Amino acid sequence: MGKRRTYTPEFKAAVVLAVLSGAKTAAEICREHRIKESVLSRWKQKFVAEASQVFSEESDRKQSEEQIKELERMIGRLTMELEIAKKASLYLGSPEMSNGR
């Protein structure tokens, strides 16, 4: 049985845009790239259905950036806590402490 081919999102977008812009017909694109028309049709439907997300990306990006900043702050705090715990462990486990000095 044949091996299933995978396509990058960039390739799919370029193919769909070529069809939508009228640069080439769907049949030409399918022959050129050896893909079935049903596959191209499915890519085109998804492209059109999700096109509005392109314009909502800015608010998503801001939200993601804020989340990244919060996670970076958390990592910094946890790193400091770990360093303190390591130092305390070394201090409490030292021979001077076990002798009661």
PDB file of N, CA and C in Angstrom:
ATOM      1  N   MET A   1       0.834  -1.176   0.000  1.00  0.00           N
ATOM      2  CA  MET A   1       0.000   0.000   0.000  1.00  0.00           C
ATOM      3  C   MET A   1       0.881   1.242   0.000  1.00  0.00           C
ATOM      4  N   GLY A   2       0.426   2.336  -0.605  1.00  0.00           N
ATOM      5  CA  GLY A   2       1.208   3.555  -0.723  1.00  0.00           C
ATOM      6  C   GLY A   2       1.390   4.271   0.592  1.00  0.00           C
ATOM      7  N   LYS A   3       2.471   5.001   0.657  1.00  0.00           N
ATOM      8  CA  LYS A   3       2.773   5.779   1.856  1.00  0.00           C
ATOM      9  C   LYS A   3       1.991   7.083   1.816  1.00  0.00           C
ATOM     10  N   ARG A   4       1.393   7.448   2.928  1.00  0.00           N
ATOM     11  CA  ARG A   4       0.586   8.668   3.002  1.00  0.00           C
ATOM     12  C   ARG A   4       1.515   9.880   3.029  1.00  0.00           C
ATOM     13  N   ARG A   5       1.265  10.833   2.144  1.00  0.00           N
ATOM     14  CA  ARG A   5       2.087  12.044   2.103  1.00  0.00           C
ATOM     15  C   ARG A   5       1.536  13.069   3.083  1.00  0.00           C
ATOM     16  N   THR A   6       2.447  13.857   3.630  1.00  0.00           N
ATOM     17  CA  THR A   6       2.043  14.950   4.508  1.00  0.00           C
ATOM     18  C   THR A   6       2.496  16.258   3.886  1.00  0.00           C
ATOM     19  N   TYR A   7       1.749  17.298   4.139  1.00  0.00           N
ATOM     20  CA  TYR A   7       2.022  18.612   3.560  1.00  0.00           C
ATOM     21  C   TYR A   7       2.105  19.642   4.675  1.00  0.00           C
ATOM     22  N   THR A   8       2.991  20.593   4.518  1.00  0.00           N
ATOM     23  CA  THR A   8       3.134  21.648   5.514  1.00  0.00           C
ATOM     24  C   THR A   8       1.963  22.621   5.401  1.00  0.00           C
ATOM     25  N   PRO A   9       1.655  23.314   6.482  1.00  0.00           N
ATOM     26  CA  PRO A   9       0.606  24.333   6.413  1.00  0.00           C
ATOM     27  C   PRO A   9       0.918  25.408   5.369  1.00  0.00           C
ATOM     28  N   GLU A  10       2.187  25.744   5.222  1.00  0.00           N
ATOM     29  CA  GLU A  10       2.586  26.762   4.236  1.00  0.00           C
ATOM     30  C   GLU A  10       2.291  26.299   2.817  1.00  0.00           C
ATOM     31  N   PHE A  11       2.561  25.024   2.539  1.00  0.00           N
ATOM     32  CA  PHE A  11       2.286  24.478   1.219  1.00  0.00           C
ATOM     33  C   PHE A  11       0.784  24.501   0.935  1.00  0.00           C
ATOM     34  N   LYS A  12       0.000  24.051   1.919  1.00  0.00           N
ATOM     35  CA  LYS A  12      -1.453  24.030   1.744  1.00  0.00           C
ATOM     36  C   LYS A  12      -1.986  25.426   1.476  1.00  0.00           C
ATOM     37  N   ALA A  13      -1.496  26.408   2.235  1.00  0.00           N
ATOM     38  CA  ALA A  13      -1.948  27.785   2.045  1.00  0.00           C
ATOM     39  C   ALA A  13      -1.576  28.300   0.660  1.00  0.00           C
ATOM     40  N   ALA A  14      -0.369  28.006   0.225  1.00  0.00           N
ATOM     41  CA  ALA A  14       0.075  28.467  -1.101  1.00  0.00           C
ATOM     42  C   ALA A  14      -0.778  27.861  -2.205  1.00  0.00           C
ATOM     43  N   VAL A  15      -1.093  26.586  -2.081  1.00  0.00           N
ATOM     44  CA  VAL A  15      -1.909  25.901  -3.087  1.00  0.00           C
ATOM     45  C   VAL A  15      -3.318  26.489  -3.119  1.00  0.00           C
ATOM     46  N   VAL A  16      -3.909  26.676  -1.959  1.00  0.00           N
ATOM     47  CA  VAL A  16      -5.267  27.228  -1.891  1.00  0.00           C
ATOM     48  C   VAL A  16      -5.284  28.657  -2.429  1.00  0.00           C
ATOM     49  N   LEU A  17      -4.284  29.452  -2.065  1.00  0.00           N
ATOM     50  CA  LEU A  17      -4.230  30.833  -2.565  1.00  0.00           C
ATOM     51  C   LEU A  17      -4.063  30.884  -4.079  1.00  0.00           C
ATOM     52  N   ALA A  18      -3.319  29.940  -4.628  1.00  0.00           N
ATOM     53  CA  ALA A  18      -3.159  29.891  -6.089  1.00  0.00           C
ATOM     54  C   ALA A  18      -4.495  29.644  -6.763  1.00  0.00           C
ATOM     55  N   VAL A  19      -5.318  28.797  -6.167  1.00  0.00           N
ATOM     56  CA  VAL A  19      -6.641  28.508  -6.730  1.00  0.00           C
ATOM     57  C   VAL A  19      -7.567  29.705  -6.538  1.00  0.00           C
ATOM     58  N   LEU A  20      -7.599  30.262  -5.308  1.00  0.00           N
ATOM     59  CA  LEU A  20      -8.506  31.373  -5.021  1.00  0.00           C
ATOM     60  C   LEU A  20      -8.154  32.637  -5.804  1.00  0.00           C
ATOM     61  N   SER A  21      -6.882  32.849  -6.067  1.00  0.00           N
ATOM     62  CA  SER A  21      -6.473  34.048  -6.807  1.00  0.00           C
ATOM     63  C   SER A  21      -6.714  33.910  -8.305  1.00  0.00           C
ATOM     64  N   GLY A  22      -6.957  32.681  -8.736  1.00  0.00           N
ATOM     65  CA  GLY A  22      -7.199  32.459 -10.159  1.00  0.00           C
ATOM     66  C   GLY A  22      -5.916  32.258 -10.934  1.00  0.00           C
ATOM     67  N   ALA A  23      -4.790  32.176 -10.264  1.00  0.00           N
ATOM     68  CA  ALA A  23      -3.514  31.959 -10.942  1.00  0.00           C
ATOM     69  C   ALA A  23      -3.523  30.643 -11.702  1.00  0.00           C
ATOM     70  N   LYS A  24      -4.151  29.648 -11.099  1.00  0.00           N
ATOM     71  CA  LYS A  24      -4.278  28.336 -11.736  1.00  0.00           C
ATOM     72  C   LYS A  24      -5.636  27.757 -11.368  1.00  0.00           C
ATOM     73  N   THR A  25      -6.093  26.844 -12.174  1.00  0.00           N
ATOM     74  CA  THR A  25      -7.359  26.170 -11.861  1.00  0.00           C
ATOM     75  C   THR A  25      -7.076  25.056 -10.863  1.00  0.00           C
ATOM     76  N   ALA A  26      -8.133  24.598 -10.226  1.00  0.00           N
ATOM     77  CA  ALA A  26      -8.000  23.501  -9.270  1.00  0.00           C
ATOM     78  C   ALA A  26      -7.435  22.261  -9.960  1.00  0.00           C
ATOM     79  N   ALA A  27      -7.903  21.992 -11.161  1.00  0.00           N
ATOM     80  CA  ALA A  27      -7.430  20.816 -11.897  1.00  0.00           C
ATOM     81  C   ALA A  27      -5.931  20.927 -12.189  1.00  0.00           C
ATOM     82  N   GLU A  28      -5.472  22.125 -12.573  1.00  0.00           N
ATOM     83  CA  GLU A  28      -4.044  22.322 -12.843  1.00  0.00           C
ATOM     84  C   GLU A  28      -3.206  22.083 -11.590  1.00  0.00           C
ATOM     85  N   ILE A  29      -3.665  22.641 -10.494  1.00  0.00           N
ATOM     86  CA  ILE A  29      -2.946  22.486  -9.224  1.00  0.00           C
ATOM     87  C   ILE A  29      -2.885  21.008  -8.830  1.00  0.00           C
ATOM     88  N   CYS A  30      -3.997  20.322  -8.957  1.00  0.00           N
ATOM     89  CA  CYS A  30      -4.045  18.910  -8.577  1.00  0.00           C
ATOM     90  C   CYS A  30      -3.109  18.072  -9.435  1.00  0.00           C
ATOM     91  N   ARG A  31      -3.089  18.328 -10.733  1.00  0.00           N
ATOM     92  CA  ARG A  31      -2.175  17.593 -11.610  1.00  0.00           C
ATOM     93  C   ARG A  31      -0.723  17.916 -11.280  1.00  0.00           C
ATOM     94  N   GLU A  32      -0.446  19.171 -11.092  1.00  0.00           N
ATOM     95  CA  GLU A  32       0.919  19.627 -10.833  1.00  0.00           C
ATOM     96  C   GLU A  32       1.503  19.021  -9.552  1.00  0.00           C
ATOM     97  N   HIS A  33       0.693  18.946  -8.517  1.00  0.00           N
ATOM     98  CA  HIS A  33       1.175  18.466  -7.218  1.00  0.00           C
ATOM     99  C   HIS A  33       0.729  17.036  -6.885  1.00  0.00           C
ATOM    100  N   ARG A  34       0.036  16.412  -7.844  1.00  0.00           N
ATOM    101  CA  ARG A  34      -0.458  15.039  -7.679  1.00  0.00           C
ATOM    102  C   ARG A  34      -1.256  14.875  -6.387  1.00  0.00           C
ATOM    103  N   ILE A  35      -2.269  15.731  -6.255  1.00  0.00           N
ATOM    104  CA  ILE A  35      -3.193  15.612  -5.120  1.00  0.00           C
ATOM    105  C   ILE A  35      -4.607  15.473  -5.675  1.00  0.00           C
ATOM    106  N   LYS A  36      -5.448  14.851  -4.910  1.00  0.00           N
ATOM    107  CA  LYS A  36      -6.831  14.650  -5.340  1.00  0.00           C
ATOM    108  C   LYS A  36      -7.610  15.951  -5.172  1.00  0.00           C
ATOM    109  N   GLU A  37      -8.600  16.123  -6.031  1.00  0.00           N
ATOM    110  CA  GLU A  37      -9.430  17.325  -5.946  1.00  0.00           C
ATOM    111  C   GLU A  37     -10.182  17.385  -4.627  1.00  0.00           C
ATOM    112  N   SER A  38     -10.535  16.228  -4.072  1.00  0.00           N
ATOM    113  CA  SER A  38     -11.237  16.212  -2.782  1.00  0.00           C
ATOM    114  C   SER A  38     -10.332  16.744  -1.663  1.00  0.00           C
ATOM    115  N   VAL A  39      -9.047  16.459  -1.753  1.00  0.00           N
ATOM    116  CA  VAL A  39      -8.093  16.953  -0.754  1.00  0.00           C
ATOM    117  C   VAL A  39      -7.994  18.473  -0.870  1.00  0.00           C
ATOM    118  N   LEU A  40      -7.837  18.957  -2.089  1.00  0.00           N
ATOM    119  CA  LEU A  40      -7.756  20.406  -2.315  1.00  0.00           C
ATOM    120  C   LEU A  40      -9.043  21.093  -1.863  1.00  0.00           C
ATOM    121  N   SER A  41     -10.159  20.488  -2.135  1.00  0.00           N
ATOM    122  CA  SER A  41     -11.443  21.046  -1.723  1.00  0.00           C
ATOM    123  C   SER A  41     -11.541  21.150  -0.202  1.00  0.00           C
ATOM    124  N   ARG A  42     -11.070  20.120   0.481  1.00  0.00           N
ATOM    125  CA  ARG A  42     -11.091  20.125   1.949  1.00  0.00           C
ATOM    126  C   ARG A  42     -10.170  21.219   2.498  1.00  0.00           C
ATOM    127  N   TRP A  43      -8.984  21.384   1.899  1.00  0.00           N
ATOM    128  CA  TRP A  43      -8.063  22.447   2.322  1.00  0.00           C
ATOM    129  C   TRP A  43      -8.694  23.817   2.107  1.00  0.00           C
ATOM    130  N   LYS A  44      -9.354  23.967   0.962  1.00  0.00           N
ATOM    131  CA  LYS A  44      -9.971  25.253   0.634  1.00  0.00           C
ATOM    132  C   LYS A  44     -11.098  25.582   1.610  1.00  0.00           C
ATOM    133  N   GLN A  45     -11.921  24.597   1.930  1.00  0.00           N
ATOM    134  CA  GLN A  45     -13.010  24.820   2.892  1.00  0.00           C
ATOM    135  C   GLN A  45     -12.466  25.230   4.256  1.00  0.00           C
ATOM    136  N   LYS A  46     -11.423  24.557   4.697  1.00  0.00           N
ATOM    137  CA  LYS A  46     -10.828  24.880   5.995  1.00  0.00           C
ATOM    138  C   LYS A  46     -10.214  26.282   5.963  1.00  0.00           C
ATOM    139  N   PHE A  47      -9.550  26.616   4.876  1.00  0.00           N
ATOM    140  CA  PHE A  47      -8.921  27.925   4.712  1.00  0.00           C
ATOM    141  C   PHE A  47      -9.960  29.035   4.820  1.00  0.00           C
ATOM    142  N   VAL A  48     -11.042  28.878   4.102  1.00  0.00           N
ATOM    143  CA  VAL A  48     -12.098  29.895   4.102  1.00  0.00           C
ATOM    144  C   VAL A  48     -12.785  29.961   5.474  1.00  0.00           C
ATOM    145  N   ALA A  49     -13.040  28.814   6.079  1.00  0.00           N
ATOM    146  CA  ALA A  49     -13.726  28.777   7.369  1.00  0.00           C
ATOM    147  C   ALA A  49     -12.900  29.429   8.476  1.00  0.00           C
ATOM    148  N   GLU A  50     -11.583  29.302   8.408  1.00  0.00           N
ATOM    149  CA  GLU A  50     -10.726  29.818   9.467  1.00  0.00           C
ATOM    150  C   GLU A  50     -10.062  31.151   9.126  1.00  0.00           C
ATOM    151  N   ALA A  51     -10.460  31.753   8.028  1.00  0.00           N
ATOM    152  CA  ALA A  51      -9.853  33.016   7.585  1.00  0.00           C
ATOM    153  C   ALA A  51     -10.053  34.136   8.597  1.00  0.00           C
ATOM    154  N   SER A  52     -11.166  34.143   9.303  1.00  0.00           N
ATOM    155  CA  SER A  52     -11.429  35.222  10.256  1.00  0.00           C
ATOM    156  C   SER A  52     -10.446  35.210  11.418  1.00  0.00           C
ATOM    157  N   GLN A  53      -9.833  34.075  11.698  1.00  0.00           N
ATOM    158  CA  GLN A  53      -8.864  33.981  12.790  1.00  0.00           C
ATOM    159  C   GLN A  53      -7.613  34.814  12.518  1.00  0.00           C
ATOM    160  N   VAL A  54      -7.336  35.072  11.268  1.00  0.00           N
ATOM    161  CA  VAL A  54      -6.173  35.888  10.915  1.00  0.00           C
ATOM    162  C   VAL A  54      -6.300  37.270  11.552  1.00  0.00           C
ATOM    163  N   PHE A  55      -7.493  37.784  11.621  1.00  0.00           N
ATOM    164  CA  PHE A  55      -7.712  39.124  12.137  1.00  0.00           C
ATOM    165  C   PHE A  55      -7.872  39.151  13.658  1.00  0.00           C
ATOM    166  N   SER A  56      -8.099  38.016  14.268  1.00  0.00           N
ATOM    167  CA  SER A  56      -8.219  37.970  15.726  1.00  0.00           C
ATOM    168  C   SER A  56      -6.899  37.579  16.368  1.00  0.00           C
ATOM    169  N   GLU A  57      -5.892  37.348  15.575  1.00  0.00           N
ATOM    170  CA  GLU A  57      -4.599  36.891  16.052  1.00  0.00           C
ATOM    171  C   GLU A  57      -3.921  37.891  16.989  1.00  0.00           C
ATOM    172  N   GLU A  58      -4.124  39.169  16.779  1.00  0.00           N
ATOM    173  CA  GLU A  58      -3.449  40.176  17.601  1.00  0.00           C
ATOM    174  C   GLU A  58      -3.843  40.046  19.071  1.00  0.00           C
ATOM    175  N   SER A  59      -5.125  39.879  19.345  1.00  0.00           N
ATOM    176  CA  SER A  59      -5.548  39.738  20.734  1.00  0.00           C
ATOM    177  C   SER A  59      -5.058  38.420  21.312  1.00  0.00           C
ATOM    178  N   ASP A  60      -5.016  37.371  20.495  1.00  0.00           N
ATOM    179  CA  ASP A  60      -4.485  36.087  20.951  1.00  0.00           C
ATOM    180  C   ASP A  60      -3.003  36.210  21.267  1.00  0.00           C
ATOM    181  N   ARG A  61      -2.281  36.951  20.450  1.00  0.00           N
ATOM    182  CA  ARG A  61      -0.852  37.130  20.653  1.00  0.00           C
ATOM    183  C   ARG A  61      -0.591  37.885  21.954  1.00  0.00           C
ATOM    184  N   LYS A  62      -1.366  38.930  22.221  1.00  0.00           N
ATOM    185  CA  LYS A  62      -1.194  39.686  23.462  1.00  0.00           C
ATOM    186  C   LYS A  62      -1.458  38.802  24.668  1.00  0.00           C
ATOM    187  N   GLN A  63      -2.496  37.997  24.590  1.00  0.00           N
ATOM    188  CA  GLN A  63      -2.835  37.091  25.682  1.00  0.00           C
ATOM    189  C   GLN A  63      -1.710  36.080  25.888  1.00  0.00           C
ATOM    190  N   SER A  64      -1.162  35.549  24.802  1.00  0.00           N
ATOM    191  CA  SER A  64      -0.074  34.584  24.904  1.00  0.00           C
ATOM    192  C   SER A  64       1.171  35.221  25.496  1.00  0.00           C
ATOM    193  N   GLU A  65       1.477  36.456  25.091  1.00  0.00           N
ATOM    194  CA  GLU A  65       2.648  37.152  25.620  1.00  0.00           C
ATOM    195  C   GLU A  65       2.508  37.381  27.121  1.00  0.00           C
ATOM    196  N   GLU A  66       1.319  37.746  27.566  1.00  0.00           N
ATOM    197  CA  GLU A  66       1.084  37.963  28.990  1.00  0.00           C
ATOM    198  C   GLU A  66       1.241  36.653  29.757  1.00  0.00           C
ATOM    199  N   GLN A  67       0.747  35.568  29.193  1.00  0.00           N
ATOM    200  CA  GLN A  67       0.874  34.264  29.830  1.00  0.00           C
ATOM    201  C   GLN A  67       2.346  33.853  29.908  1.00  0.00           C
ATOM    202  N   ILE A  68       3.103  34.120  28.853  1.00  0.00           N
ATOM    203  CA  ILE A  68       4.535  33.801  28.849  1.00  0.00           C
ATOM    204  C   ILE A  68       5.257  34.590  29.934  1.00  0.00           C
ATOM    205  N   LYS A  69       4.931  35.878  30.075  1.00  0.00           N
ATOM    206  CA  LYS A  69       5.558  36.703  31.108  1.00  0.00           C
ATOM    207  C   LYS A  69       5.264  36.151  32.500  1.00  0.00           C
ATOM    208  N   GLU A  70       4.028  35.753  32.719  1.00  0.00           N
ATOM    209  CA  GLU A  70       3.645  35.203  34.019  1.00  0.00           C
ATOM    210  C   GLU A  70       4.399  33.900  34.291  1.00  0.00           C
ATOM    211  N   LEU A  71       4.529  33.058  33.293  1.00  0.00           N
ATOM    212  CA  LEU A  71       5.253  31.799  33.468  1.00  0.00           C
ATOM    213  C   LEU A  71       6.738  32.042  33.721  1.00  0.00           C
ATOM    214  N   GLU A  72       7.308  33.046  33.046  1.00  0.00           N
ATOM    215  CA  GLU A  72       8.712  33.392  33.285  1.00  0.00           C
ATOM    216  C   GLU A  72       8.912  33.881  34.716  1.00  0.00           C
ATOM    217  N   ARG A  73       7.978  34.678  35.234  1.00  0.00           N
ATOM    218  CA  ARG A  73       8.069  35.131  36.625  1.00  0.00           C
ATOM    219  C   ARG A  73       8.007  33.935  37.573  1.00  0.00           C
ATOM    220  N   MET A  74       7.120  33.004  37.270  1.00  0.00           N
ATOM    221  CA  MET A  74       6.969  31.820  38.105  1.00  0.00           C
ATOM    222  C   MET A  74       8.249  30.983  38.084  1.00  0.00           C
ATOM    223  N   ILE A  75       8.856  30.828  36.911  1.00  0.00           N
ATOM    224  CA  ILE A  75      10.105  30.070  36.790  1.00  0.00           C
ATOM    225  C   ILE A  75      11.200  30.738  37.615  1.00  0.00           C
ATOM    226  N   GLY A  76      11.278  32.055  37.542  1.00  0.00           N
ATOM    227  CA  GLY A  76      12.274  32.789  38.318  1.00  0.00           C
ATOM    228  C   GLY A  76      12.090  32.559  39.812  1.00  0.00           C
ATOM    229  N   ARG A  77      10.859  32.662  40.267  1.00  0.00           N
ATOM    230  CA  ARG A  77      10.571  32.466  41.688  1.00  0.00           C
ATOM    231  C   ARG A  77      10.916  31.043  42.122  1.00  0.00           C
ATOM    232  N   LEU A  78      10.531  30.053  41.323  1.00  0.00           N
ATOM    233  CA  LEU A  78      10.811  28.655  41.665  1.00  0.00           C
ATOM    234  C   LEU A  78      12.312  28.362  41.638  1.00  0.00           C
ATOM    235  N   THR A  79      13.032  28.992  40.726  1.00  0.00           N
ATOM    236  CA  THR A  79      14.482  28.823  40.671  1.00  0.00           C
ATOM    237  C   THR A  79      15.123  29.353  41.944  1.00  0.00           C
ATOM    238  N   MET A  80      14.680  30.528  42.392  1.00  0.00           N
ATOM    239  CA  MET A  80      15.208  31.095  43.636  1.00  0.00           C
ATOM    240  C   MET A  80      14.882  30.190  44.818  1.00  0.00           C
ATOM    241  N   GLU A  81      13.663  29.689  44.888  1.00  0.00           N
ATOM    242  CA  GLU A  81      13.272  28.801  45.984  1.00  0.00           C
ATOM    243  C   GLU A  81      14.111  27.525  45.990  1.00  0.00           C
ATOM    244  N   LEU A  82      14.402  26.994  44.804  1.00  0.00           N
ATOM    245  CA  LEU A  82      15.219  25.789  44.699  1.00  0.00           C
ATOM    246  C   LEU A  82      16.635  26.047  45.191  1.00  0.00           C
ATOM    247  N   GLU A  83      17.209  27.179  44.804  1.00  0.00           N
ATOM    248  CA  GLU A  83      18.557  27.527  45.256  1.00  0.00           C
ATOM    249  C   GLU A  83      18.597  27.658  46.772  1.00  0.00           C
ATOM    250  N   ILE A  84      17.594  28.292  47.345  1.00  0.00           N
ATOM    251  CA  ILE A  84      17.530  28.444  48.799  1.00  0.00           C
ATOM    252  C   ILE A  84      17.413  27.071  49.464  1.00  0.00           C
ATOM    253  N   ALA A  85      16.583  26.204  48.905  1.00  0.00           N
ATOM    254  CA  ALA A  85      16.408  24.864  49.468  1.00  0.00           C
ATOM    255  C   ALA A  85      17.708  24.069  49.378  1.00  0.00           C
ATOM    256  N   LYS A  86      18.453  24.208  48.281  1.00  0.00           N
ATOM    257  CA  LYS A  86      19.727  23.507  48.141  1.00  0.00           C
ATOM    258  C   LYS A  86      20.718  23.979  49.200  1.00  0.00           C
ATOM    259  N   LYS A  87      20.802  25.299  49.378  1.00  0.00           N
ATOM    260  CA  LYS A  87      21.724  25.855  50.377  1.00  0.00           C
ATOM    261  C   LYS A  87      21.327  25.415  51.780  1.00  0.00           C
ATOM    262  N   ALA A  88      20.051  25.425  52.082  1.00  0.00           N
ATOM    263  CA  ALA A  88      19.586  24.998  53.387  1.00  0.00           C
ATOM    264  C   ALA A  88      19.894  23.519  53.607  1.00  0.00           C
ATOM    265  N   SER A  89      19.741  22.723  52.578  1.00  0.00           N
ATOM    266  CA  SER A  89      20.017  21.294  52.669  1.00  0.00           C
ATOM    267  C   SER A  89      21.493  21.052  52.938  1.00  0.00           C
ATOM    268  N   LEU A  90      22.356  21.803  52.246  1.00  0.00           N
ATOM    269  CA  LEU A  90      23.793  21.664  52.478  1.00  0.00           C
ATOM    270  C   LEU A  90      24.148  22.086  53.898  1.00  0.00           C
ATOM    271  N   TYR A  91      23.573  23.171  54.354  1.00  0.00           N
ATOM    272  CA  TYR A  91      23.857  23.710  55.684  1.00  0.00           C
ATOM    273  C   TYR A  91      23.356  22.754  56.770  1.00  0.00           C
ATOM    274  N   LEU A  92      22.135  22.268  56.584  1.00  0.00           N
ATOM    275  CA  LEU A  92      21.557  21.373  57.592  1.00  0.00           C
ATOM    276  C   LEU A  92      22.199  19.997  57.579  1.00  0.00           C
ATOM    277  N   GLY A  93      22.760  19.597  56.458  1.00  0.00           N
ATOM    278  CA  GLY A  93      23.386  18.283  56.356  1.00  0.00           C
ATOM    279  C   GLY A  93      24.866  18.320  56.638  1.00  0.00           C
ATOM    280  N   SER A  94      25.429  19.480  56.964  1.00  0.00           N
ATOM    281  CA  SER A  94      26.867  19.591  57.197  1.00  0.00           C
ATOM    282  C   SER A  94      27.260  18.915  58.497  1.00  0.00           C
ATOM    283  N   PRO A  95      28.515  18.431  58.619  1.00  0.00           N
ATOM    284  CA  PRO A  95      28.969  17.743  59.821  1.00  0.00           C
ATOM    285  C   PRO A  95      28.906  18.635  61.067  1.00  0.00           C
ATOM    286  N   GLU A  96      29.122  19.935  60.939  1.00  0.00           N
ATOM    287  CA  GLU A  96      29.074  20.830  62.082  1.00  0.00           C
ATOM    288  C   GLU A  96      27.683  20.808  62.720  1.00  0.00           C
ATOM    289  N   MET A  97      26.660  20.741  61.880  1.00  0.00           N
ATOM    290  CA  MET A  97      25.282  20.757  62.383  1.00  0.00           C
ATOM    291  C   MET A  97      24.944  19.424  63.059  1.00  0.00           C
ATOM    292  N   SER A  98      25.493  18.332  62.538  1.00  0.00           N
ATOM    293  CA  SER A  98      25.160  17.036  63.132  1.00  0.00           C
ATOM    294  C   SER A  98      25.869  16.807  64.462  1.00  0.00           C
ATOM    295  N   ASN A  99      26.971  17.520  64.742  1.00  0.00           N
ATOM    296  CA  ASN A  99      27.685  17.424  66.011  1.00  0.00           C
ATOM    297  C   ASN A  99      27.114  18.361  67.063  1.00  0.00           C
ATOM    298  N   GLY A 100      26.176  19.162  66.707  1.00  0.00           N
ATOM    299  CA  GLY A 100      25.559  20.076  67.641  1.00  0.00           C
ATOM    300  C   GLY A 100      26.302  21.375  67.803  1.00  0.00           C
ATOM    301  N   ARG A 101      27.190  21.711  66.908  1.00  0.00           N
ATOM    302  CA  ARG A 101      27.934  22.956  66.981  1.00  0.00           C
ATOM    303  C   ARG A 101      27.210  24.093  66.371  1.00  0.00           C
TER     304      ARG A 101
END
